[in-house]
Amino acid sequence: MTAPAARSTPTVVKLGGSCLDDLDGTWWDDLARHGQSSPLVLVHGWSKPLKRLRPRYGEPAAILRDRYGNQSRWTTPEVIADIKTVSARLGTEVLDRLRQRGITGERVLGSDGLVGAGEAERWWWREKKLVELDNLVGPITHVDPAPLKNLQPGHAYLITPLARNAAGQEVNTDADRAAAALAGAVGAADLVLVTDVAHLLIDGEPVRRISADAAASFRDNGATGGMRKKLRAAGEALDRGVERVVIGSAPVTDLLAARTGTVITPT
């Protein structure tokens, strides 16, 4: 009797919402070639498409900061609906690009049994005062990879990083941290965070390789905005057993080969 073929290790790629428009045909050619030998789990952001849909989402009032200094989009049922609208369009575009290159694919909402979320922070700064607000967000508590039934080479899943909390509400989650949680849950060796910057910069200098401890130190004492969240996601992925996290703007195979970008490893 012939033994069954060993299952290939998935690669998890987070596609930044601010850079999707800038990924040209050669980038998608490269991803499809990689996907022929490794199952793909793609997690997309939506920041730029959401602002295009409704410009008010780009205004400062659309962003909340909690008492600990963490930023979050102020998420209402209307925002959830708009996220679904833009993610459906993104899903069509991304999966069409892959299908044209020989990769089959399907879109999965994280809130459809894939991603669970905990209780949301209740207190947020508004006009220099801490006020109690309903905000449909929540920290990721668990991932059940069962809905990803076809983790095979030649196939891709595109994940919309919404989640479901204990009360059954659909909530917004951070896409980088969702990608980290998914990478751990599916046993990925690598998490690739594709963004609009080529490297992590420390004191203006590009960093090619950094340990998890050094990355966490910089995250808490120098990193700002989106990079701070990416470094937090990187640490969470490594804590979940992912072997390395790569941050950059290049084709995936170049990032995985460490020809460019920043590689973050446990030590």
Protein backbone atom coordinates (compact mmCIF):
# COMPACT_ATOMS: atom_id res chain seq x y z
CA MET A 1 0.00 0.00 0.00
CA THR A 2 1.33 3.42 -0.91
CA ALA A 3 1.67 5.79 2.04
CA PRO A 4 -0.29 9.03 1.75
CA ALA A 5 1.72 12.07 0.66
CA ALA A 6 2.96 14.32 3.45
CA ARG A 7 0.85 17.42 3.84
CA SER A 8 2.63 20.60 2.80
CA THR A 9 3.13 23.31 5.39
CA PRO A 10 0.92 26.35 4.73
CA THR A 11 2.31 29.83 4.25
CA VAL A 12 0.29 32.65 5.79
CA VAL A 13 0.49 36.03 4.04
CA LYS A 14 -1.10 39.20 5.35
CA LEU A 15 -1.90 41.62 2.51
CA GLY A 16 -1.89 45.18 3.79
CA GLY A 17 -4.95 47.17 2.77
CA SER A 18 -2.75 50.18 2.04
CA CYS A 19 -0.54 48.33 -0.45
CA LEU A 20 -2.90 46.04 -2.41
CA ASP A 21 -3.18 48.56 -5.26
CA ASP A 22 0.61 48.61 -5.61
CA LEU A 23 1.14 44.86 -6.08
CA ASP A 24 1.77 44.39 -9.81
CA GLY A 25 1.42 41.35 -12.04
CA THR A 26 4.90 40.05 -11.31
CA TRP A 27 4.13 40.06 -7.58
CA TRP A 28 1.04 37.91 -8.18
CA ASP A 29 3.00 35.65 -10.57
CA ASP A 30 5.48 35.03 -7.76
CA LEU A 31 2.78 34.32 -5.17
CA ALA A 32 1.09 31.83 -7.51
CA ARG A 33 4.39 30.00 -8.10
CA HIS A 34 4.88 29.73 -4.36
CA GLY A 35 1.29 28.56 -3.98
CA GLN A 36 1.89 25.61 -6.31
CA SER A 37 4.06 24.01 -3.62
CA SER A 38 2.58 25.47 -0.42
CA PRO A 39 -1.04 25.95 0.66
CA LEU A 40 -1.79 29.67 0.96
CA VAL A 41 -3.73 31.39 3.73
CA LEU A 42 -4.10 35.06 2.82
CA VAL A 43 -5.42 37.60 5.32
CA HIS A 44 -6.37 40.98 3.90
CA GLY A 45 -6.55 44.44 5.39
CA TRP A 46 -9.09 47.03 4.25
CA SER A 47 -7.91 50.45 5.41
CA LYS A 48 -7.56 52.16 2.03
CA PRO A 49 -10.61 50.55 0.35
CA LEU A 50 -12.77 51.44 3.36
CA LYS A 51 -11.70 55.09 3.18
CA ARG A 52 -12.44 55.11 -0.55
CA LEU A 53 -15.93 53.78 0.10
CA ARG A 54 -16.67 56.43 2.73
CA PRO A 55 -14.11 59.26 3.15
CA ARG A 56 -15.26 59.89 6.73
CA TYR A 57 -13.45 56.68 7.74
CA GLY A 58 -10.22 58.57 7.11
CA GLU A 59 -11.06 61.30 9.61
CA PRO A 60 -9.47 61.35 13.10
CA ALA A 61 -12.89 60.85 14.72
CA ALA A 62 -13.10 57.39 13.13
CA ILE A 63 -10.21 56.16 15.28
CA LEU A 64 -10.45 55.55 19.02
CA ARG A 65 -7.66 55.23 21.59
CA ASP A 66 -8.24 53.23 24.75
CA ARG A 67 -6.95 54.00 28.24
CA TYR A 68 -3.82 51.95 27.55
CA GLY A 69 -2.96 53.91 24.40
CA ASN A 70 -4.06 51.25 21.89
CA GLN A 71 -5.76 52.47 18.71
CA SER A 72 -8.88 50.93 17.22
CA ARG A 73 -11.34 51.79 14.49
CA TRP A 74 -14.65 52.87 15.99
CA THR A 75 -16.73 49.95 14.76
CA THR A 76 -20.52 50.02 14.58
CA PRO A 77 -22.88 47.64 12.74
CA GLU A 78 -22.66 50.02 9.76
CA VAL A 79 -18.86 49.74 9.76
CA ILE A 80 -19.09 45.93 9.86
CA ALA A 81 -21.42 46.05 6.84
CA ASP A 82 -19.03 48.35 4.97
CA ILE A 83 -16.07 46.09 5.80
CA LYS A 84 -17.99 43.20 4.27
CA THR A 85 -18.76 45.26 1.18
CA VAL A 86 -15.14 46.20 0.50
CA SER A 87 -13.83 42.76 1.44
CA ALA A 88 -16.20 41.11 -1.05
CA ARG A 89 -14.78 43.33 -3.79
CA LEU A 90 -11.22 42.62 -2.66
CA GLY A 91 -12.00 38.92 -2.57
CA THR A 92 -13.17 38.93 -6.16
CA GLU A 93 -10.06 40.80 -7.32
CA VAL A 94 -7.55 38.72 -5.37
CA LEU A 95 -9.05 35.32 -6.18
CA ASP A 96 -9.43 36.25 -9.86
CA ARG A 97 -5.75 37.17 -10.03
CA LEU A 98 -4.78 33.84 -8.51
CA ARG A 99 -7.24 31.85 -10.63
CA GLN A 100 -5.73 33.35 -13.79
CA ARG A 101 -2.40 31.97 -12.58
CA GLY A 102 -3.58 28.44 -11.85
CA ILE A 103 -4.43 28.74 -8.13
CA THR A 104 -7.95 27.93 -6.98
CA GLY A 105 -9.31 29.81 -4.02
CA GLU A 106 -12.18 30.70 -1.74
CA ARG A 107 -13.00 33.52 0.64
CA VAL A 108 -13.85 32.83 4.28
CA LEU A 109 -15.19 35.28 6.86
CA GLY A 110 -13.34 34.87 10.14
CA SER A 111 -16.68 35.33 11.89
CA ASP A 112 -18.06 32.17 10.24
CA GLY A 113 -16.66 29.82 12.89
CA LEU A 114 -12.99 30.50 12.21
CA VAL A 115 -11.97 33.26 14.66
CA GLY A 116 -13.28 33.87 18.18
CA ALA A 117 -12.92 37.14 20.07
CA GLY A 118 -12.96 38.18 23.70
CA GLU A 119 -14.64 41.04 25.49
CA ALA A 120 -14.00 44.49 24.07
CA GLU A 121 -12.48 47.40 25.95
CA ARG A 122 -15.28 49.68 27.18
CA TRP A 123 -13.44 52.94 27.94
CA TRP A 124 -12.11 55.20 25.18
CA TRP A 125 -10.71 58.71 24.94
CA ARG A 126 -13.06 61.22 23.31
CA GLU A 127 -12.33 64.97 23.44
CA LYS A 128 -9.74 64.45 26.19
CA LYS A 129 -12.16 62.46 28.35
CA LEU A 130 -12.45 58.74 29.02
CA VAL A 131 -15.99 57.73 28.09
CA GLU A 132 -17.78 54.39 27.90
CA LEU A 133 -18.56 53.42 24.32
CA ASP A 134 -19.94 50.44 22.47
CA ASN A 135 -17.24 49.43 20.01
CA LEU A 136 -17.61 46.20 18.03
CA VAL A 137 -14.01 45.07 18.38
CA GLY A 138 -12.38 42.37 20.44
CA PRO A 139 -9.06 40.60 21.06
CA ILE A 140 -8.66 37.24 19.34
CA THR A 141 -9.06 34.39 21.83
CA HIS A 142 -8.98 31.34 19.57
CA VAL A 143 -8.92 30.07 16.00
CA ASP A 144 -10.64 26.89 14.82
CA PRO A 145 -9.03 25.93 11.48
CA ALA A 146 -11.76 23.36 10.71
CA PRO A 147 -13.44 25.61 8.07
CA LEU A 148 -10.17 25.52 6.08
CA LYS A 149 -10.83 22.04 4.73
CA ASN A 150 -8.63 22.20 1.64
CA LEU A 151 -5.19 23.29 2.84
CA GLN A 152 -3.39 21.86 -0.18
CA PRO A 153 -0.84 23.18 -2.68
CA GLY A 154 -2.56 24.94 -5.55
CA HIS A 155 -5.34 26.29 -3.34
CA ALA A 156 -5.66 29.56 -1.42
CA TYR A 157 -7.96 30.80 1.32
CA LEU A 158 -8.60 34.53 1.57
CA ILE A 159 -9.63 35.44 5.11
CA THR A 160 -11.62 38.51 6.07
CA PRO A 161 -10.43 39.11 9.66
CA LEU A 162 -13.76 39.57 11.40
CA ALA A 163 -14.50 37.46 14.48
CA ARG A 164 -17.41 36.33 16.64
CA ASN A 165 -17.49 37.09 20.37
CA ALA A 166 -19.07 35.07 23.18
CA ALA A 167 -22.31 37.03 22.80
CA GLY A 168 -22.52 36.03 19.15
CA GLN A 169 -21.73 39.52 17.86
CA GLU A 170 -19.66 40.00 14.73
CA VAL A 171 -16.64 42.14 15.63
CA ASN A 172 -13.65 43.79 14.01
CA THR A 173 -10.14 42.49 14.74
CA ASP A 174 -6.64 43.64 13.84
CA ALA A 175 -5.64 41.97 10.55
CA ASP A 176 -1.94 41.55 11.46
CA ARG A 177 -2.78 39.87 14.75
CA ALA A 178 -5.46 37.76 13.07
CA ALA A 179 -2.82 36.57 10.59
CA ALA A 180 -0.54 35.68 13.51
CA ALA A 181 -3.28 33.67 15.23
CA LEU A 182 -4.15 31.88 11.98
CA ALA A 183 -0.50 31.07 11.30
CA GLY A 184 -0.22 29.36 14.66
CA ALA A 185 -3.51 27.50 14.23
CA VAL A 186 -2.68 26.03 10.80
CA GLY A 187 0.91 25.11 11.74
CA ALA A 188 2.57 27.56 9.36
CA ALA A 189 6.35 27.79 9.48
CA ASP A 190 6.32 31.32 8.04
CA LEU A 191 4.16 34.41 8.41
CA VAL A 192 4.72 37.11 5.78
CA LEU A 193 3.43 40.62 6.54
CA VAL A 194 3.29 42.44 3.21
CA THR A 195 3.19 46.18 3.72
CA ASP A 196 4.17 49.41 1.97
CA VAL A 197 7.63 49.69 3.57
CA ALA A 198 10.66 47.67 2.53
CA HIS A 199 12.10 47.04 6.02
CA LEU A 200 11.73 47.69 9.69
CA LEU A 201 13.69 50.86 10.37
CA ILE A 202 15.47 51.54 13.65
CA ASP A 203 17.14 54.96 13.98
CA GLY A 204 16.52 55.40 10.26
CA GLU A 205 18.51 52.29 9.32
CA PRO A 206 16.97 49.19 7.69
CA VAL A 207 17.05 46.05 9.84
CA ARG A 208 17.57 42.79 7.96
CA ARG A 209 17.25 40.38 10.89
CA ILE A 210 16.15 40.79 14.51
CA SER A 211 15.29 38.55 17.45
CA ALA A 212 11.84 38.47 19.00
CA ASP A 213 13.14 40.04 22.22
CA ALA A 214 14.85 42.91 20.40
CA ALA A 215 11.78 43.46 18.23
CA ALA A 216 9.55 43.57 21.33
CA SER A 217 11.88 46.07 22.98
CA PHE A 218 11.74 48.37 19.95
CA ARG A 219 7.98 47.89 19.71
CA ASP A 220 7.56 49.27 23.23
CA ASN A 221 10.27 51.94 23.01
CA GLY A 222 10.29 53.51 19.56
CA ALA A 223 7.93 51.87 17.10
CA THR A 224 4.77 53.77 16.18
CA GLY A 225 1.50 53.26 14.31
CA GLY A 226 1.19 50.32 11.99
CA MET A 227 4.70 49.00 12.62
CA ARG A 228 4.03 48.73 16.33
CA LYS A 229 1.04 46.48 15.59
CA LYS A 230 3.07 44.39 13.15
CA LEU A 231 5.78 43.80 15.73
CA ARG A 232 3.16 42.80 18.29
CA ALA A 233 1.67 40.38 15.74
CA ALA A 234 5.14 38.98 14.99
CA GLY A 235 5.74 38.22 18.67
CA GLU A 236 2.35 36.54 18.98
CA ALA A 237 3.01 34.39 15.89
CA LEU A 238 6.38 33.22 17.23
CA ASP A 239 4.80 32.46 20.61
CA ARG A 240 2.31 30.24 18.74
CA GLY A 241 5.08 28.16 17.16
CA VAL A 242 5.66 29.98 13.87
CA GLU A 243 9.37 29.73 13.04
CA ARG A 244 9.85 33.19 11.54
CA VAL A 245 8.01 36.32 10.54
CA VAL A 246 9.04 38.46 7.56
CA ILE A 247 7.98 42.08 7.06
CA GLY A 248 8.45 43.87 3.73
CA SER A 249 7.06 45.03 0.42
CA ALA A 250 8.74 42.61 -2.03
CA PRO A 251 7.52 39.39 -3.69
CA VAL A 252 6.88 36.61 -1.19
CA THR A 253 9.69 34.33 -2.38
CA ASP A 254 12.22 37.17 -2.07
CA LEU A 255 11.01 37.86 1.47
CA LEU A 256 11.15 34.18 2.44
CA ALA A 257 14.66 33.89 1.00
CA ALA A 258 15.69 36.93 3.11
CA ARG A 259 16.89 38.77 0.01
CA THR A 260 15.00 41.80 1.31
CA GLY A 261 12.67 42.75 4.13
CA THR A 262 13.12 42.15 7.85
CA VAL A 263 13.21 38.62 9.30
CA ILE A 264 12.12 38.16 12.92
CA THR A 265 13.07 34.89 14.63
CA PRO A 266 12.70 33.53 18.19
CA THR A 267 16.39 34.09 18.99
